Amino acid sequence: MATAAPDATPTPITPPYVPIIDPRTGNVHQAWYMFFLSLFRGAQAAQDPNLAPQLSDVFADIGAAAQAAQLAGQQGAASVSDVAALQTAVQALALADQVSATRDELAALSTMVQGLALNPAPVPRRRARYGSFYDTTTQTATVINTAKEITFNTTDLSNGVTIGSPTSRIVVDTEGIYNFQTSIQLDSTVATAQEFYLWFRVNGVDVTNSASQARVQGNNAEVFLALNYFFNLKAGDYVELMFSVSNLGVQLLASGPVAPHPGIPSIILTVANNINVVG
């Protein structure tokens, strides 16, 4: 460390985007602990007149520690009593006769720290995007073993996630990771066991390894099929659910309400971007 004379100009500190108290532990965040530790080391140096000329470099280290706090992501913690001890050391530094040249610098640093505590950095808010959709019609294939889109005719809830055109498309208006959860009511009108396949497409392209298979066992054999998938989507992207059948008698069945139950849609789909989305 250099031994230049102390500089009375305060070392600038960029406000760290880290709270002083870690909300998950109730203790002082590690980034702030490192900051106060730098002050403590400066106080130790100040107690020895022979080390006082090195104090300007100590404060430069303090500035670097504060900037590093911006990038701190580790969840360490220090006790409040540790910080109290550091604050006592800083007060002692302020009263030390042999470092009067650093008093203005110390006062400026103290003002900066108080400003950071009173004016924390803004926390980005989540921008919720979601939608709930279903279809009240029975959906059938027109050709066996051929991909066909599943459509929707009703929006239950929607904020930034909408039914597009054609109505098989579910469109998002915000970039993020979306959770697609769907349930389908299958039915067969043929006596023999038949197969039903379901998978996702994004922007018209089949999603690798997204398919599921169900075997419907005989006439009037209903099967309830559920599936969910995560997608990392850009604004304007759309997702479709595709299906194929081994026999045209296999269908996505919809039926009206019959006491005591309400109506049964052929498909229900919910979408939410509740993962890693800010804006």
C-alpha atoms as a PDB file:
ATOM      1  CA  MET A   1       0.000   0.000   0.000  1.00  0.00           C
ATOM      2  CA  ALA A   2       1.352   3.469  -0.895  1.00  0.00           C
ATOM      3  CA  THR A   3       2.335   6.028   1.747  1.00  0.00           C
ATOM      4  CA  ALA A   4       1.145   9.232   0.137  1.00  0.00           C
ATOM      5  CA  ALA A   5      -0.176  12.008   2.363  1.00  0.00           C
ATOM      6  CA  PRO A   6      -3.856  11.841   3.246  1.00  0.00           C
ATOM      7  CA  ASP A   7      -6.171  13.429   0.706  1.00  0.00           C
ATOM      8  CA  ALA A   8      -8.989  15.485   2.243  1.00  0.00           C
ATOM      9  CA  THR A   9     -11.176  14.963  -0.836  1.00  0.00           C
ATOM     10  CA  PRO A  10     -13.782  12.264  -0.058  1.00  0.00           C
ATOM     11  CA  THR A  11     -13.506   9.075  -2.040  1.00  0.00           C
ATOM     12  CA  PRO A  12     -16.712   8.821  -4.159  1.00  0.00           C
ATOM     13  CA  ILE A  13     -18.935   5.871  -3.320  1.00  0.00           C
ATOM     14  CA  THR A  14     -21.481   4.496  -5.758  1.00  0.00           C
ATOM     15  CA  PRO A  15     -24.589   3.469  -3.744  1.00  0.00           C
ATOM     16  CA  PRO A  16     -24.711  -0.334  -3.517  1.00  0.00           C
ATOM     17  CA  TYR A  17     -27.976  -1.966  -4.592  1.00  0.00           C
ATOM     18  CA  VAL A  18     -27.944  -4.088  -1.453  1.00  0.00           C
ATOM     19  CA  PRO A  19     -29.998  -3.496   1.723  1.00  0.00           C
ATOM     20  CA  ILE A  20     -28.020  -2.993   4.926  1.00  0.00           C
ATOM     21  CA  ILE A  21     -30.087  -5.671   6.682  1.00  0.00           C
ATOM     22  CA  ASP A  22     -30.520  -8.944   4.779  1.00  0.00           C
ATOM     23  CA  PRO A  23     -34.336  -9.548   4.896  1.00  0.00           C
ATOM     24  CA  ARG A  24     -33.842 -13.318   4.847  1.00  0.00           C
ATOM     25  CA  THR A  25     -31.540 -13.476   7.867  1.00  0.00           C
ATOM     26  CA  GLY A  26     -32.245 -10.284   9.834  1.00  0.00           C
ATOM     27  CA  ASN A  27     -28.487  -9.661  10.018  1.00  0.00           C
ATOM     28  CA  VAL A  28     -26.219  -7.181   8.282  1.00  0.00           C
ATOM     29  CA  HIS A  29     -25.634  -8.115   4.636  1.00  0.00           C
ATOM     30  CA  GLN A  30     -22.164  -9.376   3.753  1.00  0.00           C
ATOM     31  CA  ALA A  31     -21.538  -6.510   1.308  1.00  0.00           C
ATOM     32  CA  TRP A  32     -22.128  -3.938   4.066  1.00  0.00           C
ATOM     33  CA  TYR A  33     -20.061  -5.975   6.496  1.00  0.00           C
ATOM     34  CA  MET A  34     -17.124  -5.714   4.096  1.00  0.00           C
ATOM     35  CA  PHE A  35     -17.714  -1.967   3.810  1.00  0.00           C
ATOM     36  CA  PHE A  36     -17.677  -1.398   7.561  1.00  0.00           C
ATOM     37  CA  LEU A  37     -14.688  -3.698   7.900  1.00  0.00           C
ATOM     38  CA  SER A  38     -12.776  -1.358   5.606  1.00  0.00           C
ATOM     39  CA  LEU A  39     -13.681   1.541   7.915  1.00  0.00           C
ATOM     40  CA  PHE A  40     -12.525  -0.504  10.884  1.00  0.00           C
ATOM     41  CA  ARG A  41      -9.164  -1.156   9.262  1.00  0.00           C
ATOM     42  CA  GLY A  42      -8.875   2.546   8.592  1.00  0.00           C
ATOM     43  CA  ALA A  43      -9.564   3.225  12.268  1.00  0.00           C
ATOM     44  CA  GLN A  44      -6.845   0.788  13.294  1.00  0.00           C
ATOM     45  CA  ALA A  45      -4.380   2.546  11.040  1.00  0.00           C
ATOM     46  CA  ALA A  46      -5.350   5.895  12.497  1.00  0.00           C
ATOM     47  CA  GLN A  47      -4.442   4.822  16.037  1.00  0.00           C
ATOM     48  CA  ASP A  48      -0.800   4.600  14.973  1.00  0.00           C
ATOM     49  CA  PRO A  49       0.660   7.975  13.911  1.00  0.00           C
ATOM     50  CA  ASN A  50       3.183   6.123  11.773  1.00  0.00           C
ATOM     51  CA  LEU A  51       0.355   4.685   9.669  1.00  0.00           C
ATOM     52  CA  ALA A  52      -1.691   7.868   9.305  1.00  0.00           C
ATOM     53  CA  PRO A  53      -0.141   8.782   5.904  1.00  0.00           C
ATOM     54  CA  GLN A  54      -1.548   5.518   4.524  1.00  0.00           C
ATOM     55  CA  LEU A  55      -5.115   6.470   5.391  1.00  0.00           C
ATOM     56  CA  SER A  56      -5.985   7.947   2.000  1.00  0.00           C
ATOM     57  CA  ASP A  57      -5.344   4.527   0.437  1.00  0.00           C
ATOM     58  CA  VAL A  58      -7.533   2.925   3.089  1.00  0.00           C
ATOM     59  CA  PHE A  59     -10.393   5.178   2.085  1.00  0.00           C
ATOM     60  CA  ALA A  60      -9.759   4.304  -1.547  1.00  0.00           C
ATOM     61  CA  ASP A  61     -10.244   0.678  -0.503  1.00  0.00           C
ATOM     62  CA  ILE A  62     -13.506   1.708   1.154  1.00  0.00           C
ATOM     63  CA  GLY A  63     -14.713   3.192  -2.124  1.00  0.00           C
ATOM     64  CA  ALA A  64     -13.795  -0.014  -3.963  1.00  0.00           C
ATOM     65  CA  ALA A  65     -15.637  -2.094  -1.364  1.00  0.00           C
ATOM     66  CA  ALA A  66     -18.773  -0.014  -1.806  1.00  0.00           C
ATOM     67  CA  GLN A  67     -18.628  -0.434  -5.582  1.00  0.00           C
ATOM     68  CA  ALA A  68     -18.126  -4.165  -5.170  1.00  0.00           C
ATOM     69  CA  ALA A  69     -21.279  -4.224  -3.040  1.00  0.00           C
ATOM     70  CA  GLN A  70     -23.270  -3.429  -6.174  1.00  0.00           C
ATOM     71  CA  LEU A  71     -22.423  -6.859  -7.547  1.00  0.00           C
ATOM     72  CA  ALA A  72     -22.630  -8.749  -4.284  1.00  0.00           C
ATOM     73  CA  GLY A  73     -24.896 -11.764  -4.586  1.00  0.00           C
ATOM     74  CA  GLN A  74     -23.657 -13.957  -1.779  1.00  0.00           C
ATOM     75  CA  GLN A  75     -25.895 -14.209   1.264  1.00  0.00           C
ATOM     76  CA  GLY A  76     -23.415 -13.760   4.090  1.00  0.00           C
ATOM     77  CA  ALA A  77     -24.277 -12.057   7.346  1.00  0.00           C
ATOM     78  CA  ALA A  78     -22.618 -10.212  10.213  1.00  0.00           C
ATOM     79  CA  SER A  79     -24.141  -9.571  13.600  1.00  0.00           C
ATOM     80  CA  VAL A  80     -25.426  -6.161  14.605  1.00  0.00           C
ATOM     81  CA  SER A  81     -22.979  -6.153  17.496  1.00  0.00           C
ATOM     82  CA  ASP A  82     -20.077  -6.495  15.024  1.00  0.00           C
ATOM     83  CA  VAL A  83     -21.273  -3.417  13.155  1.00  0.00           C
ATOM     84  CA  ALA A  84     -21.711  -1.539  16.440  1.00  0.00           C
ATOM     85  CA  ALA A  85     -18.067  -2.257  17.216  1.00  0.00           C
ATOM     86  CA  LEU A  86     -17.058  -0.955  13.808  1.00  0.00           C
ATOM     87  CA  GLN A  87     -19.080   2.204  14.335  1.00  0.00           C
ATOM     88  CA  THR A  88     -17.324   2.763  17.672  1.00  0.00           C
ATOM     89  CA  ALA A  89     -13.983   2.417  15.927  1.00  0.00           C
ATOM     90  CA  VAL A  90     -15.032   4.960  13.306  1.00  0.00           C
ATOM     91  CA  GLN A  91     -16.016   7.401  16.050  1.00  0.00           C
ATOM     92  CA  ALA A  92     -12.622   6.910  17.635  1.00  0.00           C
ATOM     93  CA  LEU A  93     -11.037   7.642  14.282  1.00  0.00           C
ATOM     94  CA  ALA A  94     -12.990  10.893  14.053  1.00  0.00           C
ATOM     95  CA  LEU A  95     -11.667  11.982  17.480  1.00  0.00           C
ATOM     96  CA  ALA A  96      -8.031  11.016  16.898  1.00  0.00           C
ATOM     97  CA  ASP A  97      -5.867  14.149  17.104  1.00  0.00           C
ATOM     98  CA  GLN A  98      -3.153  12.672  14.920  1.00  0.00           C
ATOM     99  CA  VAL A  99      -5.451  12.313  11.893  1.00  0.00           C
ATOM    100  CA  SER A 100      -7.137  15.720  11.855  1.00  0.00           C
ATOM    101  CA  ALA A 101      -6.455  15.923   8.126  1.00  0.00           C
ATOM    102  CA  THR A 102      -8.877  13.040   7.572  1.00  0.00           C
ATOM    103  CA  ARG A 103     -11.796  14.386   9.620  1.00  0.00           C
ATOM    104  CA  ASP A 104     -13.493  16.088   6.694  1.00  0.00           C
ATOM    105  CA  GLU A 105     -13.121  12.967   4.602  1.00  0.00           C
ATOM    106  CA  LEU A 106     -14.563  10.792   7.368  1.00  0.00           C
ATOM    107  CA  ALA A 107     -17.530  13.148   7.857  1.00  0.00           C
ATOM    108  CA  ALA A 108     -18.246  13.048   4.118  1.00  0.00           C
ATOM    109  CA  LEU A 109     -18.121   9.248   4.125  1.00  0.00           C
ATOM    110  CA  SER A 110     -20.468   9.132   7.108  1.00  0.00           C
ATOM    111  CA  THR A 111     -22.928  11.388   5.263  1.00  0.00           C
ATOM    112  CA  MET A 112     -22.783   9.090   2.247  1.00  0.00           C
ATOM    113  CA  VAL A 113     -23.511   6.019   4.369  1.00  0.00           C
ATOM    114  CA  GLN A 114     -26.463   7.740   6.038  1.00  0.00           C
ATOM    115  CA  GLY A 115     -27.787   8.747   2.625  1.00  0.00           C
ATOM    116  CA  LEU A 116     -27.590   5.171   1.413  1.00  0.00           C
ATOM    117  CA  ALA A 117     -29.516   3.944   4.443  1.00  0.00           C
ATOM    118  CA  LEU A 118     -32.242   6.564   4.040  1.00  0.00           C
ATOM    119  CA  ASN A 119     -32.511   6.291   0.248  1.00  0.00           C
ATOM    120  CA  PRO A 120     -32.259   2.630  -0.730  1.00  0.00           C
ATOM    121  CA  ALA A 121     -32.068   1.730  -4.392  1.00  0.00           C
ATOM    122  CA  PRO A 122     -35.422   1.071  -6.050  1.00  0.00           C
ATOM    123  CA  VAL A 123     -36.453  -2.581  -6.246  1.00  0.00           C
ATOM    124  CA  PRO A 124     -37.802  -3.665  -9.659  1.00  0.00           C
ATOM    125  CA  ARG A 125     -41.394  -4.836  -9.465  1.00  0.00           C
ATOM    126  CA  ARG A 126     -42.660  -7.947 -11.124  1.00  0.00           C
ATOM    127  CA  ARG A 127     -44.749  -7.311 -14.193  1.00  0.00           C
ATOM    128  CA  ALA A 128     -47.448  -9.967 -13.940  1.00  0.00           C
ATOM    129  CA  ARG A 129     -48.579 -11.546 -17.197  1.00  0.00           C
ATOM    130  CA  TYR A 130     -51.166 -14.319 -17.206  1.00  0.00           C
ATOM    131  CA  GLY A 131     -54.132 -15.818 -18.982  1.00  0.00           C
ATOM    132  CA  SER A 132     -56.797 -18.487 -18.534  1.00  0.00           C
ATOM    133  CA  PHE A 133     -58.526 -19.945 -21.606  1.00  0.00           C
ATOM    134  CA  TYR A 134     -60.827 -22.818 -22.553  1.00  0.00           C
ATOM    135  CA  ASP A 135     -62.965 -24.158 -25.377  1.00  0.00           C
ATOM    136  CA  THR A 136     -66.611 -25.174 -25.089  1.00  0.00           C
ATOM    137  CA  THR A 137     -66.789 -27.222 -28.322  1.00  0.00           C
ATOM    138  CA  THR A 138     -65.854 -30.832 -29.058  1.00  0.00           C
ATOM    139  CA  GLN A 139     -62.707 -30.885 -31.199  1.00  0.00           C
ATOM    140  CA  THR A 140     -61.985 -33.684 -33.689  1.00  0.00           C
ATOM    141  CA  ALA A 141     -59.275 -34.533 -36.182  1.00  0.00           C
ATOM    142  CA  THR A 142     -59.996 -34.640 -39.923  1.00  0.00           C
ATOM    143  CA  VAL A 143     -57.129 -36.976 -40.897  1.00  0.00           C
ATOM    144  CA  ILE A 144     -55.573 -39.721 -38.771  1.00  0.00           C
ATOM    145  CA  ASN A 145     -51.911 -39.524 -37.732  1.00  0.00           C
ATOM    146  CA  THR A 146     -51.768 -35.873 -38.806  1.00  0.00           C
ATOM    147  CA  ALA A 147     -50.998 -32.837 -36.651  1.00  0.00           C
ATOM    148  CA  LYS A 148     -53.911 -30.536 -35.881  1.00  0.00           C
ATOM    149  CA  GLU A 149     -54.119 -27.396 -33.726  1.00  0.00           C
ATOM    150  CA  ILE A 150     -56.260 -27.230 -30.585  1.00  0.00           C
ATOM    151  CA  THR A 151     -58.343 -24.051 -30.520  1.00  0.00           C
ATOM    152  CA  PHE A 152     -59.823 -21.810 -27.822  1.00  0.00           C
ATOM    153  CA  ASN A 153     -63.079 -19.853 -27.884  1.00  0.00           C
ATOM    154  CA  THR A 154     -63.242 -18.357 -24.380  1.00  0.00           C
ATOM    155  CA  THR A 155     -60.965 -16.097 -22.306  1.00  0.00           C
ATOM    156  CA  ASP A 156     -61.530 -16.361 -18.582  1.00  0.00           C
ATOM    157  CA  LEU A 157     -58.729 -14.061 -17.348  1.00  0.00           C
ATOM    158  CA  SER A 158     -56.089 -12.199 -19.317  1.00  0.00           C
ATOM    159  CA  ASN A 159     -53.311  -9.680 -18.736  1.00  0.00           C
ATOM    160  CA  GLY A 160     -50.698  -9.568 -21.474  1.00  0.00           C
ATOM    161  CA  VAL A 161     -51.420 -13.152 -22.583  1.00  0.00           C
ATOM    162  CA  THR A 162     -54.117 -13.441 -25.249  1.00  0.00           C
ATOM    163  CA  ILE A 163     -55.732 -15.697 -27.830  1.00  0.00           C
ATOM    164  CA  GLY A 164     -54.268 -14.823 -31.219  1.00  0.00           C
ATOM    165  CA  SER A 165     -55.308 -15.412 -34.821  1.00  0.00           C
ATOM    166  CA  PRO A 166     -55.912 -18.197 -35.592  1.00  0.00           C
ATOM    167  CA  THR A 167     -57.438 -19.056 -32.220  1.00  0.00           C
ATOM    168  CA  SER A 168     -54.998 -21.913 -31.629  1.00  0.00           C
ATOM    169  CA  ARG A 169     -52.281 -19.346 -30.841  1.00  0.00           C
ATOM    170  CA  ILE A 170     -51.613 -18.077 -27.319  1.00  0.00           C
ATOM    171  CA  VAL A 171     -49.587 -14.854 -27.639  1.00  0.00           C
ATOM    172  CA  VAL A 172     -47.465 -13.088 -24.966  1.00  0.00           C
ATOM    173  CA  ASP A 173     -46.602  -9.385 -24.980  1.00  0.00           C
ATOM    174  CA  THR A 174     -43.641  -9.470 -22.570  1.00  0.00           C
ATOM    175  CA  GLU A 175     -40.368 -11.381 -22.511  1.00  0.00           C
ATOM    176  CA  GLY A 176     -40.064 -13.922 -19.715  1.00  0.00           C
ATOM    177  CA  ILE A 177     -40.332 -17.521 -18.581  1.00  0.00           C
ATOM    178  CA  TYR A 178     -43.941 -18.734 -18.813  1.00  0.00           C
ATOM    179  CA  ASN A 179     -45.599 -21.753 -17.270  1.00  0.00           C
ATOM    180  CA  PHE A 180     -48.236 -23.382 -19.510  1.00  0.00           C
ATOM    181  CA  GLN A 181     -50.593 -25.776 -17.713  1.00  0.00           C
ATOM    182  CA  THR A 182     -53.325 -27.583 -19.598  1.00  0.00           C
ATOM    183  CA  SER A 183     -55.985 -30.225 -19.037  1.00  0.00           C
ATOM    184  CA  ILE A 184     -57.894 -32.081 -21.775  1.00  0.00           C
ATOM    185  CA  GLN A 185     -61.018 -34.243 -21.710  1.00  0.00           C
ATOM    186  CA  LEU A 186     -60.613 -37.158 -24.176  1.00  0.00           C
ATOM    187  CA  ASP A 187     -63.335 -39.487 -25.397  1.00  0.00           C
ATOM    188  CA  SER A 188     -63.580 -42.340 -27.893  1.00  0.00           C
ATOM    189  CA  THR A 189     -66.532 -43.474 -30.003  1.00  0.00           C
ATOM    190  CA  VAL A 190     -64.878 -46.658 -31.325  1.00  0.00           C
ATOM    191  CA  ALA A 191     -64.734 -50.084 -29.699  1.00  0.00           C
ATOM    192  CA  THR A 192     -61.014 -50.715 -30.027  1.00  0.00           C
ATOM    193  CA  ALA A 193     -58.189 -49.050 -28.115  1.00  0.00           C
ATOM    194  CA  GLN A 194     -56.830 -45.974 -29.912  1.00  0.00           C
ATOM    195  CA  GLU A 195     -53.948 -43.559 -29.416  1.00  0.00           C
ATOM    196  CA  PHE A 196     -53.886 -39.822 -28.809  1.00  0.00           C
ATOM    197  CA  TYR A 197     -50.723 -37.653 -28.981  1.00  0.00           C
ATOM    198  CA  LEU A 198     -50.281 -34.137 -27.614  1.00  0.00           C
ATOM    199  CA  TRP A 199     -47.350 -31.700 -27.965  1.00  0.00           C
ATOM    200  CA  PHE A 200     -46.368 -28.011 -28.086  1.00  0.00           C
ATOM    201  CA  ARG A 201     -45.298 -25.695 -30.878  1.00  0.00           C
ATOM    202  CA  VAL A 202     -43.619 -22.304 -30.439  1.00  0.00           C
ATOM    203  CA  ASN A 203     -43.867 -19.888 -33.347  1.00  0.00           C
ATOM    204  CA  GLY A 204     -44.929 -22.749 -35.629  1.00  0.00           C
ATOM    205  CA  VAL A 205     -42.063 -25.096 -34.705  1.00  0.00           C
ATOM    206  CA  ASP A 206     -42.543 -28.344 -32.762  1.00  0.00           C
ATOM    207  CA  VAL A 207     -40.893 -28.229 -29.318  1.00  0.00           C
ATOM    208  CA  THR A 208     -38.384 -31.051 -28.946  1.00  0.00           C
ATOM    209  CA  ASN A 209     -39.375 -33.759 -26.450  1.00  0.00           C
ATOM    210  CA  SER A 210     -42.651 -32.047 -25.517  1.00  0.00           C
ATOM    211  CA  ALA A 211     -45.061 -34.818 -26.633  1.00  0.00           C
ATOM    212  CA  SER A 212     -47.289 -37.042 -24.484  1.00  0.00           C
ATOM    213  CA  GLN A 213     -49.237 -40.176 -25.423  1.00  0.00           C
ATOM    214  CA  ALA A 214     -52.541 -41.539 -24.110  1.00  0.00           C
ATOM    215  CA  ARG A 215     -54.343 -44.746 -25.071  1.00  0.00           C
ATOM    216  CA  VAL A 216     -58.143 -44.576 -24.970  1.00  0.00           C
ATOM    217  CA  GLN A 217     -59.579 -48.002 -24.179  1.00  0.00           C
ATOM    218  CA  GLY A 218     -62.787 -48.639 -26.136  1.00  0.00           C
ATOM    219  CA  ASN A 219     -66.132 -46.961 -26.815  1.00  0.00           C
ATOM    220  CA  ASN A 220     -67.248 -44.206 -24.395  1.00  0.00           C
ATOM    221  CA  ALA A 221     -63.958 -44.460 -22.532  1.00  0.00           C
ATOM    222  CA  GLU A 222     -63.094 -41.000 -21.208  1.00  0.00           C
ATOM    223  CA  VAL A 223     -59.530 -40.044 -20.313  1.00  0.00           C
ATOM    224  CA  PHE A 224     -58.432 -36.889 -18.487  1.00  0.00           C
ATOM    225  CA  LEU A 225     -55.012 -35.700 -19.664  1.00  0.00           C
ATOM    226  CA  ALA A 226     -52.927 -32.960 -17.978  1.00  0.00           C
ATOM    227  CA  LEU A 227     -49.632 -31.414 -19.057  1.00  0.00           C
ATOM    228  CA  ASN A 228     -47.452 -28.452 -18.129  1.00  0.00           C
ATOM    229  CA  TYR A 229     -44.349 -26.917 -19.683  1.00  0.00           C
ATOM    230  CA  PHE A 230     -42.025 -23.923 -19.192  1.00  0.00           C
ATOM    231  CA  PHE A 231     -41.151 -21.641 -22.101  1.00  0.00           C
ATOM    232  CA  ASN A 232     -38.610 -18.823 -22.353  1.00  0.00           C
ATOM    233  CA  LEU A 233     -40.524 -16.447 -24.647  1.00  0.00           C
ATOM    234  CA  LYS A 234     -39.910 -13.093 -26.304  1.00  0.00           C
ATOM    235  CA  ALA A 235     -42.576 -10.417 -26.710  1.00  0.00           C
ATOM    236  CA  GLY A 236     -44.847 -11.412 -29.603  1.00  0.00           C
ATOM    237  CA  ASP A 237     -44.044 -15.144 -29.425  1.00  0.00           C
ATOM    238  CA  TYR A 238     -46.948 -17.582 -29.570  1.00  0.00           C
ATOM    239  CA  VAL A 239     -47.487 -21.132 -28.328  1.00  0.00           C
ATOM    240  CA  GLU A 240     -49.833 -23.770 -29.759  1.00  0.00           C
ATOM    241  CA  LEU A 241     -51.015 -27.174 -28.551  1.00  0.00           C
ATOM    242  CA  MET A 242     -51.056 -29.810 -31.288  1.00  0.00           C
ATOM    243  CA  PHE A 243     -52.640 -33.269 -31.347  1.00  0.00           C
ATOM    244  CA  SER A 244     -53.004 -36.320 -33.550  1.00  0.00           C
ATOM    245  CA  VAL A 245     -55.094 -39.521 -33.300  1.00  0.00           C
ATOM    246  CA  SER A 246     -54.885 -43.037 -34.646  1.00  0.00           C
ATOM    247  CA  ASN A 247     -58.674 -43.058 -35.265  1.00  0.00           C
ATOM    248  CA  LEU A 248     -61.083 -40.200 -35.985  1.00  0.00           C
ATOM    249  CA  GLY A 249     -63.373 -41.512 -33.242  1.00  0.00           C
ATOM    250  CA  VAL A 250     -60.937 -40.145 -30.622  1.00  0.00           C
ATOM    251  CA  GLN A 251     -61.892 -36.579 -29.767  1.00  0.00           C
ATOM    252  CA  LEU A 252     -61.544 -33.733 -27.312  1.00  0.00           C
ATOM    253  CA  LEU A 253     -64.947 -33.859 -25.697  1.00  0.00           C
ATOM    254  CA  ALA A 254     -66.953 -30.867 -24.429  1.00  0.00           C
ATOM    255  CA  SER A 255     -70.305 -31.177 -22.694  1.00  0.00           C
ATOM    256  CA  GLY A 256     -72.725 -28.836 -20.970  1.00  0.00           C
ATOM    257  CA  PRO A 257     -73.523 -28.660 -17.260  1.00  0.00           C
ATOM    258  CA  VAL A 258     -75.475 -31.551 -15.776  1.00  0.00           C
ATOM    259  CA  ALA A 259     -76.364 -31.399 -12.092  1.00  0.00           C
ATOM    260  CA  PRO A 260     -74.424 -31.529  -9.885  1.00  0.00           C
ATOM    261  CA  HIS A 261     -71.387 -30.555 -12.058  1.00  0.00           C
ATOM    262  CA  PRO A 262     -70.775 -27.486 -14.278  1.00  0.00           C
ATOM    263  CA  GLY A 263     -69.883 -27.646 -17.957  1.00  0.00           C
ATOM    264  CA  ILE A 264     -66.853 -29.619 -19.199  1.00  0.00           C
ATOM    265  CA  PRO A 265     -64.616 -27.762 -21.700  1.00  0.00           C
ATOM    266  CA  SER A 266     -62.671 -29.805 -24.239  1.00  0.00           C
ATOM    267  CA  ILE A 267     -59.487 -28.033 -23.052  1.00  0.00           C
ATOM    268  CA  ILE A 268     -58.494 -25.662 -20.244  1.00  0.00           C
ATOM    269  CA  LEU A 269     -55.210 -23.738 -20.404  1.00  0.00           C
ATOM    270  CA  THR A 270     -53.620 -21.401 -17.847  1.00  0.00           C
ATOM    271  CA  VAL A 271     -50.484 -19.335 -18.482  1.00  0.00           C
ATOM    272  CA  ALA A 272     -48.379 -17.300 -16.029  1.00  0.00           C
ATOM    273  CA  ASN A 273     -44.948 -15.626 -16.103  1.00  0.00           C
ATOM    274  CA  ASN A 274     -44.344 -15.900 -12.352  1.00  0.00           C
ATOM    275  CA  ILE A 275     -40.675 -16.848 -12.778  1.00  0.00           C
ATOM    276  CA  ASN A 276     -37.826 -14.361 -13.216  1.00  0.00           C
ATOM    277  CA  VAL A 277     -39.793 -11.558 -14.810  1.00  0.00           C
ATOM    278  CA  VAL A 278     -39.295  -7.858 -14.039  1.00  0.00           C
ATOM    279  CA  GLY A 279     -40.093  -4.733 -15.904  1.00  0.00           C
END
